[in-house]
Amino acid sequence: MTLIIVLIGAAALIGLGLYGALSQQSFVMLMMGLELMLNGALLAIIGFWSQGLAGAPKGQLLAIIVMAVMAVEMAVGFALVVAVYRQRQADTTEGLGTLKS
């Protein structure tokens, strides 16, 4: 598989994630869009690592860091969604007029 094909796939994932994050009103769908964008970035990192660095561990370390950031982002995001739902009973972005209490 060539680097161009991998980067086209990564760009498609980032584009779909951006569309999903900007067009959806549900908090969960918004977070899924963000997750798709991070997956696209991770695919690009792995593609560059496999083609450019010829197996050097620096690319693997960067991919592991991105995966850790993805896990933290999802945990914090879902905690915020649960907190907002418990306080305001809002499950969409339009259900919130402002973030003030």
N, C-alpha and C. Protein backbone atom coordinates (compact mmCIF):
# COMPACT_ATOMS: atom_id res chain seq x y z
N MET A 1 0.84 -1.17 0.00
CA MET A 1 0.00 0.00 0.00
C MET A 1 0.89 1.24 0.00
N THR A 2 0.59 2.15 -0.88
CA THR A 2 1.43 3.34 -0.98
C THR A 2 0.99 4.40 0.02
N LEU A 3 1.88 5.33 0.22
CA LEU A 3 1.60 6.41 1.17
C LEU A 3 0.45 7.28 0.69
N ILE A 4 0.31 7.45 -0.61
CA ILE A 4 -0.76 8.29 -1.15
C ILE A 4 -2.14 7.71 -0.79
N ILE A 5 -2.29 6.40 -0.91
CA ILE A 5 -3.56 5.76 -0.60
C ILE A 5 -3.89 5.91 0.89
N VAL A 6 -2.86 5.74 1.71
CA VAL A 6 -3.07 5.89 3.16
C VAL A 6 -3.45 7.32 3.50
N LEU A 7 -2.81 8.29 2.88
CA LEU A 7 -3.12 9.70 3.17
C LEU A 7 -4.49 10.10 2.63
N ILE A 8 -4.92 9.51 1.51
CA ILE A 8 -6.27 9.77 1.02
C ILE A 8 -7.30 9.22 2.00
N GLY A 9 -7.05 8.03 2.53
CA GLY A 9 -7.94 7.47 3.54
C GLY A 9 -7.97 8.31 4.81
N ALA A 10 -6.80 8.81 5.22
CA ALA A 10 -6.74 9.66 6.41
C ALA A 10 -7.48 10.97 6.18
N ALA A 11 -7.33 11.54 4.99
CA ALA A 11 -8.04 12.79 4.67
C ALA A 11 -9.54 12.56 4.63
N ALA A 12 -9.96 11.40 4.12
CA ALA A 12 -11.39 11.09 4.10
C ALA A 12 -11.94 10.96 5.52
N LEU A 13 -11.19 10.30 6.41
CA LEU A 13 -11.64 10.19 7.80
C LEU A 13 -11.71 11.55 8.48
N ILE A 14 -10.72 12.38 8.24
CA ILE A 14 -10.73 13.71 8.85
C ILE A 14 -11.88 14.54 8.30
N GLY A 15 -12.13 14.45 6.99
CA GLY A 15 -13.25 15.18 6.40
C GLY A 15 -14.60 14.71 6.92
N LEU A 16 -14.79 13.40 7.02
CA LEU A 16 -16.04 12.87 7.57
C LEU A 16 -16.22 13.27 9.03
N GLY A 17 -15.13 13.23 9.78
CA GLY A 17 -15.20 13.63 11.18
C GLY A 17 -15.53 15.10 11.34
N LEU A 18 -14.94 15.93 10.49
CA LEU A 18 -15.22 17.37 10.54
C LEU A 18 -16.68 17.65 10.19
N TYR A 19 -17.16 16.98 9.17
CA TYR A 19 -18.57 17.14 8.81
C TYR A 19 -19.48 16.67 9.94
N GLY A 20 -19.15 15.53 10.53
CA GLY A 20 -19.95 15.00 11.62
C GLY A 20 -19.92 15.89 12.85
N ALA A 21 -18.77 16.46 13.14
CA ALA A 21 -18.66 17.32 14.33
C ALA A 21 -19.39 18.64 14.14
N LEU A 22 -19.42 19.15 12.92
CA LEU A 22 -20.04 20.45 12.70
C LEU A 22 -21.53 20.37 12.38
N SER A 23 -22.00 19.22 11.90
CA SER A 23 -23.38 19.16 11.46
C SER A 23 -24.33 18.51 12.48
N GLN A 24 -23.83 17.79 13.43
CA GLN A 24 -24.69 17.06 14.35
C GLN A 24 -25.04 17.91 15.58
N GLN A 25 -26.19 17.64 16.15
CA GLN A 25 -26.61 18.37 17.34
C GLN A 25 -26.49 17.54 18.60
N SER A 26 -26.41 16.25 18.46
CA SER A 26 -26.29 15.37 19.61
C SER A 26 -24.84 15.39 20.11
N PHE A 27 -24.70 15.39 21.43
CA PHE A 27 -23.36 15.41 22.00
C PHE A 27 -22.57 14.16 21.63
N VAL A 28 -23.24 13.02 21.60
CA VAL A 28 -22.55 11.77 21.29
C VAL A 28 -22.07 11.76 19.85
N MET A 29 -22.89 12.24 18.93
CA MET A 29 -22.48 12.30 17.52
C MET A 29 -21.37 13.31 17.31
N LEU A 30 -21.39 14.40 18.06
CA LEU A 30 -20.31 15.37 18.00
C LEU A 30 -18.99 14.74 18.43
N MET A 31 -19.05 13.96 19.49
CA MET A 31 -17.83 13.29 19.96
C MET A 31 -17.37 12.21 19.00
N MET A 32 -18.30 11.56 18.33
CA MET A 32 -17.92 10.57 17.33
C MET A 32 -17.20 11.24 16.16
N GLY A 33 -17.63 12.44 15.79
CA GLY A 33 -16.94 13.18 14.74
C GLY A 33 -15.51 13.54 15.16
N LEU A 34 -15.35 13.96 16.40
CA LEU A 34 -14.01 14.26 16.90
C LEU A 34 -13.14 13.00 16.91
N GLU A 35 -13.74 11.88 17.25
CA GLU A 35 -13.00 10.62 17.28
C GLU A 35 -12.56 10.21 15.87
N LEU A 36 -13.42 10.43 14.88
CA LEU A 36 -13.05 10.14 13.50
C LEU A 36 -11.88 11.01 13.04
N MET A 37 -11.89 12.27 13.45
CA MET A 37 -10.77 13.15 13.07
C MET A 37 -9.47 12.67 13.70
N LEU A 38 -9.52 12.26 14.94
CA LEU A 38 -8.31 11.75 15.58
C LEU A 38 -7.86 10.44 14.95
N ASN A 39 -8.80 9.59 14.53
CA ASN A 39 -8.43 8.36 13.85
C ASN A 39 -7.77 8.65 12.50
N GLY A 40 -8.25 9.66 11.80
CA GLY A 40 -7.60 10.06 10.55
C GLY A 40 -6.18 10.56 10.77
N ALA A 41 -6.00 11.34 11.82
CA ALA A 41 -4.65 11.81 12.15
C ALA A 41 -3.74 10.64 12.52
N LEU A 42 -4.28 9.69 13.26
CA LEU A 42 -3.51 8.51 13.64
C LEU A 42 -3.13 7.69 12.42
N LEU A 43 -4.04 7.55 11.47
CA LEU A 43 -3.74 6.82 10.25
C LEU A 43 -2.64 7.52 9.46
N ALA A 44 -2.68 8.83 9.40
CA ALA A 44 -1.63 9.58 8.70
C ALA A 44 -0.29 9.42 9.41
N ILE A 45 -0.29 9.45 10.72
CA ILE A 45 0.95 9.28 11.48
C ILE A 45 1.55 7.90 11.22
N ILE A 46 0.71 6.88 11.24
CA ILE A 46 1.20 5.53 11.02
C ILE A 46 1.68 5.37 9.59
N GLY A 47 0.99 5.99 8.63
CA GLY A 47 1.44 5.94 7.23
C GLY A 47 2.79 6.58 7.04
N PHE A 48 2.98 7.77 7.63
CA PHE A 48 4.28 8.43 7.53
C PHE A 48 5.36 7.62 8.24
N TRP A 49 5.00 7.01 9.36
CA TRP A 49 5.98 6.22 10.09
C TRP A 49 6.43 5.02 9.28
N SER A 50 5.47 4.32 8.68
CA SER A 50 5.83 3.10 7.96
C SER A 50 6.62 3.39 6.69
N GLN A 51 6.37 4.52 6.05
CA GLN A 51 7.06 4.83 4.80
C GLN A 51 8.33 5.64 5.01
N GLY A 52 8.29 6.54 5.96
CA GLY A 52 9.39 7.49 6.09
C GLY A 52 10.47 7.10 7.06
N LEU A 53 10.09 6.61 8.21
CA LEU A 53 11.09 6.35 9.25
C LEU A 53 11.60 4.92 9.24
N ALA A 54 11.05 4.09 8.38
CA ALA A 54 11.50 2.70 8.21
C ALA A 54 11.53 1.92 9.52
N GLY A 55 10.50 2.07 10.31
CA GLY A 55 10.37 1.26 11.51
C GLY A 55 11.03 1.84 12.75
N ALA A 56 11.43 3.10 12.72
CA ALA A 56 12.01 3.71 13.92
C ALA A 56 10.93 3.83 14.99
N PRO A 57 11.30 3.66 16.26
CA PRO A 57 10.28 3.67 17.32
C PRO A 57 9.65 5.03 17.58
N LYS A 58 10.16 6.10 17.00
CA LYS A 58 9.57 7.42 17.23
C LYS A 58 8.14 7.49 16.70
N GLY A 59 7.88 6.91 15.56
CA GLY A 59 6.52 6.91 15.01
C GLY A 59 5.56 6.09 15.84
N GLN A 60 6.03 4.97 16.36
CA GLN A 60 5.18 4.16 17.22
C GLN A 60 4.84 4.89 18.50
N LEU A 61 5.80 5.60 19.06
CA LEU A 61 5.56 6.36 20.29
C LEU A 61 4.54 7.46 20.05
N LEU A 62 4.64 8.14 18.92
CA LEU A 62 3.67 9.18 18.60
C LEU A 62 2.27 8.60 18.42
N ALA A 63 2.17 7.44 17.79
CA ALA A 63 0.86 6.79 17.62
C ALA A 63 0.28 6.39 18.97
N ILE A 64 1.10 5.90 19.87
CA ILE A 64 0.62 5.53 21.21
C ILE A 64 0.15 6.76 21.98
N ILE A 65 0.86 7.87 21.83
CA ILE A 65 0.45 9.11 22.49
C ILE A 65 -0.89 9.58 21.94
N VAL A 66 -1.08 9.49 20.62
CA VAL A 66 -2.36 9.90 20.03
C VAL A 66 -3.49 9.01 20.53
N MET A 67 -3.23 7.71 20.65
CA MET A 67 -4.27 6.80 21.18
C MET A 67 -4.60 7.13 22.63
N ALA A 68 -3.61 7.50 23.42
CA ALA A 68 -3.88 7.88 24.81
C ALA A 68 -4.70 9.17 24.87
N VAL A 69 -4.39 10.12 24.00
CA VAL A 69 -5.17 11.36 23.94
C VAL A 69 -6.61 11.06 23.53
N MET A 70 -6.80 10.13 22.61
CA MET A 70 -8.15 9.75 22.19
C MET A 70 -8.93 9.15 23.36
N ALA A 71 -8.29 8.31 24.14
CA ALA A 71 -8.97 7.70 25.28
C ALA A 71 -9.35 8.74 26.33
N VAL A 72 -8.45 9.65 26.60
CA VAL A 72 -8.73 10.71 27.59
C VAL A 72 -9.83 11.62 27.08
N GLU A 73 -9.79 11.94 25.79
CA GLU A 73 -10.81 12.82 25.21
C GLU A 73 -12.19 12.20 25.33
N MET A 74 -12.29 10.93 25.06
CA MET A 74 -13.59 10.27 25.15
C MET A 74 -14.07 10.19 26.61
N ALA A 75 -13.19 9.90 27.53
CA ALA A 75 -13.58 9.80 28.94
C ALA A 75 -14.05 11.16 29.47
N VAL A 76 -13.29 12.20 29.19
CA VAL A 76 -13.67 13.53 29.66
C VAL A 76 -14.94 14.01 28.95
N GLY A 77 -15.04 13.73 27.68
CA GLY A 77 -16.23 14.14 26.93
C GLY A 77 -17.49 13.49 27.45
N PHE A 78 -17.45 12.19 27.67
CA PHE A 78 -18.64 11.52 28.18
C PHE A 78 -18.95 11.95 29.61
N ALA A 79 -17.95 12.25 30.40
CA ALA A 79 -18.21 12.77 31.75
C ALA A 79 -18.91 14.12 31.68
N LEU A 80 -18.49 14.97 30.75
CA LEU A 80 -19.15 16.26 30.59
C LEU A 80 -20.58 16.10 30.09
N VAL A 81 -20.79 15.18 29.15
CA VAL A 81 -22.14 14.94 28.64
C VAL A 81 -23.06 14.46 29.76
N VAL A 82 -22.58 13.55 30.59
CA VAL A 82 -23.39 13.05 31.70
C VAL A 82 -23.67 14.17 32.70
N ALA A 83 -22.69 15.00 32.98
CA ALA A 83 -22.89 16.10 33.93
C ALA A 83 -23.90 17.12 33.39
N VAL A 84 -23.82 17.44 32.11
CA VAL A 84 -24.78 18.39 31.53
C VAL A 84 -26.18 17.79 31.52
N TYR A 85 -26.28 16.51 31.19
CA TYR A 85 -27.60 15.88 31.16
C TYR A 85 -28.21 15.81 32.55
N ARG A 86 -27.41 15.52 33.55
CA ARG A 86 -27.94 15.44 34.91
C ARG A 86 -28.42 16.79 35.42
N GLN A 87 -27.70 17.84 35.06
CA GLN A 87 -28.06 19.15 35.58
C GLN A 87 -29.19 19.81 34.79
N ARG A 88 -29.16 19.68 33.46
CA ARG A 88 -30.11 20.42 32.65
C ARG A 88 -31.07 19.57 31.83
N GLN A 89 -30.93 18.26 31.86
CA GLN A 89 -31.76 17.36 31.06
C GLN A 89 -31.69 17.70 29.57
N ALA A 90 -30.51 18.11 29.11
CA ALA A 90 -30.31 18.46 27.70
C ALA A 90 -29.38 17.43 27.06
N ASP A 91 -29.82 16.88 25.94
CA ASP A 91 -28.97 15.91 25.26
C ASP A 91 -28.55 16.37 23.87
N THR A 92 -28.91 17.59 23.50
CA THR A 92 -28.47 18.17 22.24
C THR A 92 -27.81 19.51 22.50
N THR A 93 -27.07 19.98 21.53
CA THR A 93 -26.38 21.25 21.69
C THR A 93 -27.36 22.42 21.70
N GLU A 94 -28.48 22.27 21.03
CA GLU A 94 -29.48 23.35 21.03
C GLU A 94 -30.24 23.43 22.35
N GLY A 95 -30.19 22.34 23.14
CA GLY A 95 -30.86 22.35 24.43
C GLY A 95 -30.16 23.23 25.44
N LEU A 96 -28.96 23.64 25.14
CA LEU A 96 -28.20 24.51 26.03
C LEU A 96 -28.20 25.93 25.45
N GLY A 97 -28.72 26.86 26.18
CA GLY A 97 -28.67 28.25 25.74
C GLY A 97 -27.31 28.84 26.02
N THR A 98 -26.76 28.48 27.16
CA THR A 98 -25.45 28.97 27.58
C THR A 98 -24.87 27.95 28.55
N LEU A 99 -23.60 28.06 28.82
CA LEU A 99 -22.97 27.12 29.74
C LEU A 99 -23.01 27.60 31.19
N LYS A 100 -23.58 28.79 31.42
CA LYS A 100 -23.71 29.27 32.78
C LYS A 100 -24.76 28.48 33.52
N SER A 101 -24.62 28.37 34.83
CA SER A 101 -25.59 27.61 35.63
C SER A 101 -26.89 28.33 35.81
